[in-house]
C-alpha cells in the first residue's frame, strides 16, 4: 500500500481511538469537564498526527478535508479516493480497539457506547445545520492555513487542532460532533441502532461543508 494511504489509515485510527476513547472512558459528554476532555482529546490527536504524518500524507484523516483539498485542485481524483478509503479503514480499526477494550469486561467504564454520533428525535435540521457549518469552518481553516502561499507554515497543525477543540466544545451537545465522515462510520458500525440509521447525516453534512469550504478558500 502507498505510504500516504498507510499514514492516513494510521492517523485516522489514532483520532478515533483517542477522541472517541475519551468519550467512552469518561462517561460521555455529561458535564463541562467531560466536554472539554473530549474536545481536547480530538484536537490534540490532530495536532499530534499533523506533525507525525503530515510530512507523509498531509494528515487529512478526514474525508471532508480530502474532498476540500481535491476540489481545490491540490490532489488527483484517484489519490483522493485512496485517502478516503484509507481513512474509513483506519476509523474502523480504531473502533475495533475501543470495542474490544469495552467488551472484554476487564476495564471499568461508566460508558457502554463506542463514541458514535447522534441527535435526539426531532433535531434533524439542527444536526444538519451544525455539521455543515462546523465542518465548513474546520475545513476552511485547514485549507487556508495549509495554503502554500498564504498559509501558516509549521504552525498549521497547531491551529487546526485548536480549531477542532473549539468546534467540539460548541457542537458536542448538538450531535456529539462529527465534522468527519470516517470518524462517524467506524463507531456507528459497532454501535448500531440510531447511530447507524442517522449515519447518513454525518456523511452527507460534513461533505457538503467541506465542498463549501473549498469554494470559500479560493478567496485571496
Foldseek 3Di string as FASTA:
>chain_A
DQPLLVLLLQLLLQLLLQLLVLCFQVVHCPDLVSLLSNLLSNLVSLLVSCVVCCVPHNRPLFLLLLLLCVLLVNDDPVVSVSSLVSSLNSLQNSLVVSQCVLVVPPDDGNGNASLAWAADPPLLVVLLVLLLVLLLVLSLLLLQQPDPPRHVPPCSSVVSSVSSSVSSSPCCVGINDQLGLSSNNNRCVVRPDRSVVVSVSSVVSSNNSSNVSSVVNPPD
